[in-house]
Protein backbone atom coordinates (compact mmCIF):
# COMPACT_ATOMS: atom_id res chain seq x y z
CA MET A 1 -279.69 -31.28 -46.71
CA THR A 2 -283.10 -29.60 -46.74
CA GLN A 3 -285.25 -29.81 -43.63
CA HIS A 4 -288.43 -29.44 -43.99
CA LEU A 5 -290.45 -30.26 -40.49
CA PRO A 6 -293.88 -31.43 -41.06
CA ALA A 7 -296.12 -29.55 -38.94
CA ALA A 8 -297.20 -31.99 -35.78
CA SER A 9 -301.06 -31.51 -35.98
CA PRO A 10 -302.11 -28.97 -39.18
CA PRO A 11 -302.07 -25.62 -37.81
CA SER A 12 -304.67 -24.06 -36.44
CA GLY A 13 -307.12 -21.84 -38.34
CA ALA A 14 -305.85 -17.19 -37.36
CA GLY A 15 -309.22 -15.62 -36.34
CA ALA A 16 -311.97 -16.65 -33.70
CA ALA A 17 -310.14 -20.36 -33.33
CA GLY A 18 -306.80 -18.27 -32.26
CA PRO A 19 -303.40 -17.38 -34.14
CA GLN A 20 -301.38 -20.06 -36.24
CA VAL A 21 -298.64 -21.55 -35.18
CA LEU A 22 -296.25 -20.88 -37.83
CA TYR A 23 -293.00 -22.27 -36.89
CA ASP A 24 -292.60 -23.57 -33.20
CA THR A 25 -288.78 -24.15 -31.60
CA GLU A 26 -286.69 -24.49 -28.60
CA VAL A 27 -283.73 -23.12 -27.89
CA VAL A 28 -280.87 -25.74 -26.90
CA ALA A 29 -278.03 -22.55 -26.46
CA VAL A 30 -277.23 -19.80 -26.66
CA GLY A 31 -273.58 -18.24 -28.03
CA GLU A 32 -271.62 -16.21 -25.78
CA LEU A 33 -271.73 -13.06 -28.22
CA VAL A 34 -275.65 -13.14 -28.62
CA PRO A 35 -275.94 -10.62 -25.79
CA GLN A 36 -273.93 -7.94 -27.30
CA PHE A 37 -275.79 -8.01 -30.75
CA VAL A 38 -278.82 -8.26 -28.71
CA ASP A 39 -278.04 -4.58 -27.12
CA GLN A 40 -277.23 -4.00 -31.25
CA GLY A 41 -280.88 -4.49 -31.68
CA VAL A 42 -280.14 -8.13 -34.02
CA LEU A 43 -280.38 -11.87 -32.65
CA VAL A 44 -279.06 -14.47 -35.24
CA LEU A 45 -281.13 -18.22 -35.25
CA PHE A 46 -280.23 -20.77 -36.71
CA GLY A 47 -281.15 -24.61 -36.21
CA GLU A 48 -278.62 -26.55 -33.61
CA GLN A 49 -276.85 -28.74 -36.94
CA ALA A 50 -275.07 -25.29 -37.86
CA PRO A 51 -271.59 -25.28 -38.10
CA GLU A 52 -269.91 -24.10 -35.70
CA GLU A 53 -268.16 -21.10 -36.42
CA LEU A 54 -271.90 -20.02 -36.03
CA HIS A 55 -272.25 -20.50 -32.75
CA GLU A 56 -270.65 -17.97 -30.35
CA PHE A 57 -273.54 -14.90 -32.05
CA SER A 58 -276.47 -17.54 -32.93
CA VAL A 59 -279.09 -19.05 -30.81
CA LEU A 60 -279.29 -22.48 -31.71
CA HIS A 61 -282.40 -23.67 -31.77
CA ARG A 62 -284.82 -27.13 -32.30
CA PRO A 63 -287.91 -26.17 -34.28
CA ARG A 64 -290.78 -28.46 -33.32
CA GLN A 65 -293.80 -27.43 -35.87
CA ALA A 66 -292.45 -25.30 -39.49
CA VAL A 67 -295.47 -24.42 -41.78
CA GLU A 68 -294.03 -21.54 -43.04
CA GLY A 69 -291.20 -18.73 -42.57
CA PRO A 70 -293.30 -15.00 -41.14
CA ARG A 71 -294.39 -12.16 -43.14
CA PRO A 72 -295.51 -8.11 -42.00
CA GLY A 73 -298.43 -8.17 -39.66
CA ASP A 74 -297.43 -11.81 -37.73
CA GLU A 75 -296.13 -11.78 -34.48
CA ILE A 76 -292.72 -13.55 -33.59
CA VAL A 77 -293.10 -14.22 -29.32
CA LEU A 78 -289.79 -14.84 -27.14
CA GLY A 79 -290.60 -15.81 -23.98
CA GLY A 80 -293.36 -12.98 -23.10
CA THR A 81 -292.44 -10.53 -25.80
CA ARG A 82 -293.98 -10.40 -28.79
CA LEU A 83 -292.27 -8.27 -31.33
CA PRO A 84 -294.70 -7.92 -34.55
CA VAL A 85 -293.21 -8.70 -38.21
CA LEU A 86 -292.92 -5.47 -40.11
CA ALA A 87 -290.86 -6.77 -43.54
CA VAL A 88 -288.93 -9.39 -44.62
CA GLY A 89 -286.70 -10.13 -46.88
CA ASP A 90 -286.43 -12.37 -49.94
CA VAL A 91 -284.95 -15.01 -48.63
CA VAL A 92 -286.66 -14.98 -45.35
CA ALA A 93 -289.19 -18.10 -44.95
CA GLU A 94 -286.04 -20.06 -46.82
CA ASN A 95 -283.71 -19.66 -45.08
CA LEU A 96 -285.40 -20.27 -42.02
CA LEU A 97 -287.12 -23.58 -43.60
CA ASN A 98 -283.77 -24.85 -44.69
CA LEU A 99 -281.15 -24.22 -42.08
CA GLY A 100 -283.37 -22.82 -39.19
CA HIS A 101 -281.47 -19.12 -39.81
CA LEU A 102 -283.77 -16.10 -39.19
CA ASP A 103 -281.78 -12.21 -38.66
CA ILE A 104 -284.43 -10.16 -36.66
CA LYS A 105 -283.66 -6.69 -37.11
CA ALA A 106 -285.12 -3.69 -34.20
CA ASP A 107 -284.74 -0.95 -36.77
CA GLY A 108 -288.77 -0.18 -38.15
CA HIS A 109 -288.10 -1.00 -41.09
CA ASP A 110 -291.49 -1.19 -43.13
CA ARG A 111 -288.45 -2.77 -46.21
CA ALA A 112 -286.09 -5.14 -45.34
CA GLN A 113 -282.75 -3.98 -46.15
CA LEU A 114 -280.92 -7.46 -46.68
CA PRO A 115 -282.86 -10.58 -48.44
CA GLY A 116 -282.41 -12.34 -45.40
CA ASP A 117 -283.38 -9.53 -42.34
CA VAL A 118 -287.19 -10.27 -40.48
CA CYS A 119 -286.90 -6.46 -39.11
CA VAL A 120 -289.12 -5.56 -36.48
CA PRO A 121 -289.84 -1.85 -34.30
CA VAL A 122 -288.00 -0.51 -33.12
CA GLY A 123 -286.65 -0.85 -29.41
CA PRO A 124 -284.94 -3.61 -27.00
CA LEU A 125 -285.21 -6.69 -28.09
CA PRO A 126 -285.53 -9.67 -24.90
CA SER A 127 -283.55 -12.23 -23.61
CA VAL A 128 -283.40 -15.61 -25.23
CA ALA A 129 -281.84 -18.40 -22.63
CA LYS A 130 -281.21 -22.56 -23.33
CA GLY A 131 -285.22 -24.29 -23.01
CA GLN A 132 -287.57 -21.20 -24.41
CA ARG A 133 -290.21 -21.16 -26.88
CA ILE A 134 -289.65 -19.28 -29.62
CA THR A 135 -292.84 -18.88 -31.62
CA ILE A 136 -293.90 -17.02 -34.67
CA LEU A 137 -297.58 -16.06 -35.09
CA ARG A 138 -299.93 -15.15 -38.07
CA GLY A 139 -303.14 -13.67 -37.10
CA ALA A 140 -302.54 -12.98 -32.90
CA ALA A 141 -302.27 -9.04 -33.50
CA GLY A 142 -305.06 -8.68 -35.47
CA GLY A 143 -303.14 -7.19 -37.80
CA PRO A 144 -303.00 -7.16 -41.89
CA ALA A 145 -301.45 -10.24 -42.07
CA ASP A 146 -302.88 -11.45 -45.26
CA GLU A 147 -302.35 -9.36 -47.43
CA GLY A 148 -298.86 -10.28 -48.54
CA ASP A 149 -294.92 -9.17 -48.01
CA ARG A 150 -293.73 -5.84 -48.74
CA ALA A 151 -290.11 -7.67 -48.98
């Protein structure tokens, strides 16, 4: 079943009015293997309706606003940590909007290796806890968010 959530209100435009919120969600559960994946530079997100077999290694979340998926130049905000998006695969937006699924990889690649990858700079990923918000912003870093996708 397709799950497109309408924005609670029209997203703010980037620029002087501030960054545009593309996606905003709340963590409802963290699988027991998530810290091991994070240590390897991978963070897997799924909407809370994900099948049980995915829970062990996933961050389950409940979207509050879902406008569109990330593209290069956007930022993913996990708690207080901002991760610039370097590259996205061809199915990232569809997976995020339909399933709440995102694979964040701290690999530093400027081209996604797999169709579902979201590449961010090499470095430690933050830990994630129940109740935490995850937000995808456009226009926050002043980067090339409007240049188009580099998948």
